[in-house]
Amino acid sequence: MLDFEGVTPDEFVEYKGRPIVRQGDEIFYGDMSEKYYVYMLIMSEKKSPKGDVEIPDTIMVQLLDSKTKKPEKQKITHGLAEAFEFAEAWIRYNDRD
């Protein structure tokens, strides 16, 4: 789980060294000044096992070209862990170009 305690507005929460920004149901992962970044849209949520919070369930993941903003790849995933694994793999693979 990500720990946001102590994060100032000038800092980003990171996953595997890349910044994450969430606004509502939208998540942006990666550096938008790089060749590619990832856009995620939370399409549905479900109750946690304890039933006390809603957690993202179905997530659309898109690899976007930073210049054109057009999606290069798209995938529907179930859960944030799967979404971030696809996102990281796509960015890492496409950074080799």
C-alpha atoms as a PDB file:
ATOM      1  CA  MET A   1       0.000   0.000   0.000  1.00  0.00           C
ATOM      2  CA  LEU A   2       1.227   3.514  -0.771  1.00  0.00           C
ATOM      3  CA  ASP A   3       1.949   5.789   2.170  1.00  0.00           C
ATOM      4  CA  PHE A   4       0.973   9.427   1.540  1.00  0.00           C
ATOM      5  CA  GLU A   5       1.848  10.679   5.024  1.00  0.00           C
ATOM      6  CA  GLY A   6       4.443  13.439   4.880  1.00  0.00           C
ATOM      7  CA  VAL A   7       4.091  14.017   1.106  1.00  0.00           C
ATOM      8  CA  THR A   8       4.020  17.737   0.345  1.00  0.00           C
ATOM      9  CA  PRO A   9       2.174  19.305  -2.620  1.00  0.00           C
ATOM     10  CA  ASP A  10       5.554  19.734  -4.367  1.00  0.00           C
ATOM     11  CA  GLU A  11       6.295  15.989  -4.245  1.00  0.00           C
ATOM     12  CA  PHE A  12       4.883  13.037  -6.142  1.00  0.00           C
ATOM     13  CA  VAL A  13       4.055   9.617  -4.836  1.00  0.00           C
ATOM     14  CA  GLU A  14       6.111   7.166  -6.896  1.00  0.00           C
ATOM     15  CA  TYR A  15       5.941   3.551  -7.992  1.00  0.00           C
ATOM     16  CA  LYS A  16       9.190   1.992  -9.240  1.00  0.00           C
ATOM     17  CA  GLY A  17      10.722   5.462  -9.483  1.00  0.00           C
ATOM     18  CA  ARG A  18       7.972   6.974 -11.631  1.00  0.00           C
ATOM     19  CA  PRO A  19       5.473   9.613 -10.425  1.00  0.00           C
ATOM     20  CA  ILE A  20       1.781   8.876  -9.856  1.00  0.00           C
ATOM     21  CA  VAL A  21      -0.918  11.551  -9.935  1.00  0.00           C
ATOM     22  CA  ARG A  22      -4.553  10.725  -9.188  1.00  0.00           C
ATOM     23  CA  GLN A  23      -7.520  13.004  -9.664  1.00  0.00           C
ATOM     24  CA  GLY A  24     -10.863  11.358  -8.998  1.00  0.00           C
ATOM     25  CA  ASP A  25     -11.114   8.242 -11.162  1.00  0.00           C
ATOM     26  CA  GLU A  26      -8.120   9.186 -13.334  1.00  0.00           C
ATOM     27  CA  ILE A  27      -4.528   8.142 -12.646  1.00  0.00           C
ATOM     28  CA  PHE A  28      -1.469   9.326 -14.555  1.00  0.00           C
ATOM     29  CA  TYR A  29       1.707   7.267 -14.221  1.00  0.00           C
ATOM     30  CA  GLY A  30       5.123   8.287 -15.505  1.00  0.00           C
ATOM     31  CA  ASP A  31       6.831  11.479 -16.534  1.00  0.00           C
ATOM     32  CA  MET A  32       4.849  13.377 -19.168  1.00  0.00           C
ATOM     33  CA  SER A  33       8.069  14.924 -20.481  1.00  0.00           C
ATOM     34  CA  GLU A  34       9.303  11.432 -21.467  1.00  0.00           C
ATOM     35  CA  LYS A  35       8.313   9.729 -24.745  1.00  0.00           C
ATOM     36  CA  TYR A  36       5.435   7.768 -23.128  1.00  0.00           C
ATOM     37  CA  TYR A  37       3.278   7.882 -20.013  1.00  0.00           C
ATOM     38  CA  VAL A  38       0.270   5.869 -18.859  1.00  0.00           C
ATOM     39  CA  TYR A  39      -3.307   6.997 -18.316  1.00  0.00           C
ATOM     40  CA  MET A  40      -5.630   4.864 -16.182  1.00  0.00           C
ATOM     41  CA  LEU A  41      -9.367   5.244 -15.730  1.00  0.00           C
ATOM     42  CA  ILE A  42     -11.080   3.521 -12.811  1.00  0.00           C
ATOM     43  CA  MET A  43     -14.249   2.157 -14.392  1.00  0.00           C
ATOM     44  CA  SER A  44     -15.671   0.334 -11.370  1.00  0.00           C
ATOM     45  CA  GLU A  45     -15.004  -0.200  -7.693  1.00  0.00           C
ATOM     46  CA  LYS A  46     -15.844  -2.917  -5.187  1.00  0.00           C
ATOM     47  CA  LYS A  47     -16.024  -3.141  -1.411  1.00  0.00           C
ATOM     48  CA  SER A  48     -12.881  -4.170   0.439  1.00  0.00           C
ATOM     49  CA  PRO A  49     -12.985  -7.580   2.155  1.00  0.00           C
ATOM     50  CA  LYS A  50     -13.948  -5.848   5.411  1.00  0.00           C
ATOM     51  CA  GLY A  51     -16.559  -3.806   3.545  1.00  0.00           C
ATOM     52  CA  ASP A  52     -15.280  -0.529   4.945  1.00  0.00           C
ATOM     53  CA  VAL A  53     -13.847   1.112   1.787  1.00  0.00           C
ATOM     54  CA  GLU A  54     -14.282   1.070  -1.990  1.00  0.00           C
ATOM     55  CA  ILE A  55     -11.268  -0.210  -3.924  1.00  0.00           C
ATOM     56  CA  PRO A  56     -10.632   0.106  -7.680  1.00  0.00           C
ATOM     57  CA  ASP A  57     -11.699  -3.023  -9.554  1.00  0.00           C
ATOM     58  CA  THR A  58     -11.972  -2.584 -13.338  1.00  0.00           C
ATOM     59  CA  ILE A  59      -9.351  -0.227 -14.778  1.00  0.00           C
ATOM     60  CA  MET A  60      -8.702   0.875 -18.355  1.00  0.00           C
ATOM     61  CA  VAL A  61      -4.962   1.309 -18.924  1.00  0.00           C
ATOM     62  CA  GLN A  62      -3.575   3.228 -21.921  1.00  0.00           C
ATOM     63  CA  LEU A  63       0.008   3.869 -22.989  1.00  0.00           C
ATOM     64  CA  LEU A  64       0.006   7.398 -24.423  1.00  0.00           C
ATOM     65  CA  ASP A  65       2.507   9.061 -26.714  1.00  0.00           C
ATOM     66  CA  SER A  66       3.511  12.298 -24.957  1.00  0.00           C
ATOM     67  CA  LYS A  67       3.605  14.308 -28.192  1.00  0.00           C
ATOM     68  CA  THR A  68       0.366  13.191 -29.831  1.00  0.00           C
ATOM     69  CA  LYS A  69      -1.565  12.137 -26.675  1.00  0.00           C
ATOM     70  CA  LYS A  70      -2.837   9.179 -28.740  1.00  0.00           C
ATOM     71  CA  PRO A  71      -3.018   5.730 -27.156  1.00  0.00           C
ATOM     72  CA  GLU A  72      -0.412   3.261 -28.412  1.00  0.00           C
ATOM     73  CA  LYS A  73      -1.782   0.360 -26.345  1.00  0.00           C
ATOM     74  CA  GLN A  74      -4.886  -0.273 -24.274  1.00  0.00           C
ATOM     75  CA  LYS A  75      -5.878  -2.970 -21.771  1.00  0.00           C
ATOM     76  CA  ILE A  76      -8.710  -3.531 -19.296  1.00  0.00           C
ATOM     77  CA  THR A  77      -7.404  -4.890 -15.983  1.00  0.00           C
ATOM     78  CA  HIS A  78      -8.848  -6.016 -12.673  1.00  0.00           C
ATOM     79  CA  GLY A  79      -7.190  -4.270  -9.745  1.00  0.00           C
ATOM     80  CA  LEU A  80      -4.508  -1.632  -9.381  1.00  0.00           C
ATOM     81  CA  ALA A  81      -1.670  -4.133  -9.023  1.00  0.00           C
ATOM     82  CA  GLU A  82      -2.333  -5.596 -12.475  1.00  0.00           C
ATOM     83  CA  ALA A  83      -2.829  -2.114 -13.963  1.00  0.00           C
ATOM     84  CA  PHE A  84       0.511  -0.858 -12.618  1.00  0.00           C
ATOM     85  CA  GLU A  85       2.367  -3.978 -13.759  1.00  0.00           C
ATOM     86  CA  PHE A  86       1.134  -3.457 -17.347  1.00  0.00           C
ATOM     87  CA  ALA A  87       1.912   0.266 -17.113  1.00  0.00           C
ATOM     88  CA  GLU A  88       5.466  -0.278 -15.893  1.00  0.00           C
ATOM     89  CA  ALA A  89       6.177  -2.997 -18.470  1.00  0.00           C
ATOM     90  CA  TRP A  90       4.859  -0.863 -21.339  1.00  0.00           C
ATOM     91  CA  ILE A  91       6.890   2.202 -20.332  1.00  0.00           C
ATOM     92  CA  ARG A  92      10.064   0.179 -19.716  1.00  0.00           C
ATOM     93  CA  TYR A  93       9.738  -1.706 -23.034  1.00  0.00           C
ATOM     94  CA  ASN A  94       8.944   1.392 -25.088  1.00  0.00           C
ATOM     95  CA  ASP A  95      11.726   3.475 -23.470  1.00  0.00           C
ATOM     96  CA  ARG A  96      14.172   1.264 -25.367  1.00  0.00           C
ATOM     97  CA  ASP A  97      13.168   2.802 -28.738  1.00  0.00           C
END
